[in-house]
Protein backbone atom coordinates (compact mmCIF):
# COMPACT_ATOMS: atom_id res chain seq x y z
CA UNK A 1 0.00 0.00 0.00
CA UNK A 2 1.46 3.36 -1.05
CA UNK A 3 1.44 6.21 1.47
CA UNK A 4 -0.77 9.16 0.62
CA UNK A 5 1.16 12.18 -0.58
CA UNK A 6 1.19 14.76 2.20
CA UNK A 7 -0.05 18.27 1.62
CA UNK A 8 2.43 21.09 1.94
CA UNK A 9 1.68 23.24 4.98
CA UNK A 10 2.75 26.87 5.19
CA UNK A 11 3.32 28.51 8.55
CA UNK A 12 3.29 32.22 9.32
CA UNK A 13 3.67 34.35 12.44
CA UNK A 14 1.88 37.68 12.38
CA UNK A 15 2.73 40.46 14.82
CA UNK A 16 1.21 43.75 15.88
CA UNK A 17 1.68 46.53 18.42
CA UNK A 18 -1.95 46.37 19.59
CA UNK A 19 -4.60 43.73 20.16
CA UNK A 20 -7.09 45.43 17.83
CA UNK A 21 -4.57 45.49 14.96
CA UNK A 22 -3.75 41.82 15.60
CA UNK A 23 -7.46 40.93 15.53
CA UNK A 24 -7.91 42.72 12.20
CA UNK A 25 -4.92 40.90 10.74
CA UNK A 26 -6.27 37.55 12.03
CA UNK A 27 -9.66 38.21 10.41
CA UNK A 28 -7.98 39.02 7.10
CA UNK A 29 -5.86 35.86 7.17
CA UNK A 30 -8.84 33.68 8.19
CA UNK A 31 -10.77 34.96 5.17
CA UNK A 32 -7.79 33.91 2.99
CA UNK A 33 -7.91 30.32 4.30
CA UNK A 34 -5.33 30.48 7.10
CA UNK A 35 -5.98 28.71 10.43
CA UNK A 36 -4.86 29.84 13.89
CA UNK A 37 -2.40 27.52 15.63
CA UNK A 38 -2.46 27.76 19.42
CA UNK A 39 -3.03 31.06 21.16
CA UNK A 40 -1.56 34.55 21.01
CA UNK A 41 1.73 35.55 22.60
CA UNK A 42 2.75 38.78 24.29
CA UNK A 43 6.35 39.98 24.34
CA UNK A 44 7.72 43.07 26.01
CA UNK A 45 9.67 45.01 23.35
CA UNK A 46 10.76 47.95 25.47
CA UNK A 47 10.71 48.68 29.20
CA UNK A 48 11.82 52.07 30.48
CA UNK A 49 11.59 53.40 34.03
CA UNK A 50 11.48 57.19 34.18
CA UNK A 51 12.82 59.13 37.15
CA UNK A 52 12.85 62.74 38.30
CA UNK A 53 16.00 62.88 40.35
CA UNK A 54 15.78 59.76 42.53
CA UNK A 55 11.97 59.58 42.47
CA UNK A 56 10.40 57.01 40.17
CA UNK A 57 7.74 58.77 38.05
CA UNK A 58 6.39 56.05 35.74
CA UNK A 59 7.32 53.11 33.55
CA UNK A 60 6.84 52.93 29.79
CA UNK A 61 6.22 49.42 28.49
CA UNK A 62 5.86 48.66 24.77
CA UNK A 63 4.42 45.26 23.89
CA UNK A 64 4.24 43.17 20.74
CA UNK A 65 1.43 40.67 20.17
CA UNK A 66 1.84 37.67 17.88
CA UNK A 67 0.02 34.54 16.75
CA UNK A 68 0.94 31.54 14.61
CA UNK A 69 -1.05 30.58 11.52
CA UNK A 70 -0.97 27.62 9.14
CA UNK A 71 -2.38 26.99 5.69
CA UNK A 72 -2.50 23.60 3.98
CA UNK A 73 -2.09 23.63 0.22
């Protein structure tokens, strides 16, 4: 018995600086036949503590959101 030829699967990771932009990109890719693999990821791109003299004022945190997609051809 011959094995069935396997379909080629493409993988892609999409990223965004905001959840709303990531959701829009996911919707676009889903309409093009892509499937979500797993769940989203959050990575801290930049972390900066700001001080006035020795007093901590605030912290600026920039995040990047990502998700993995696959598409069988």
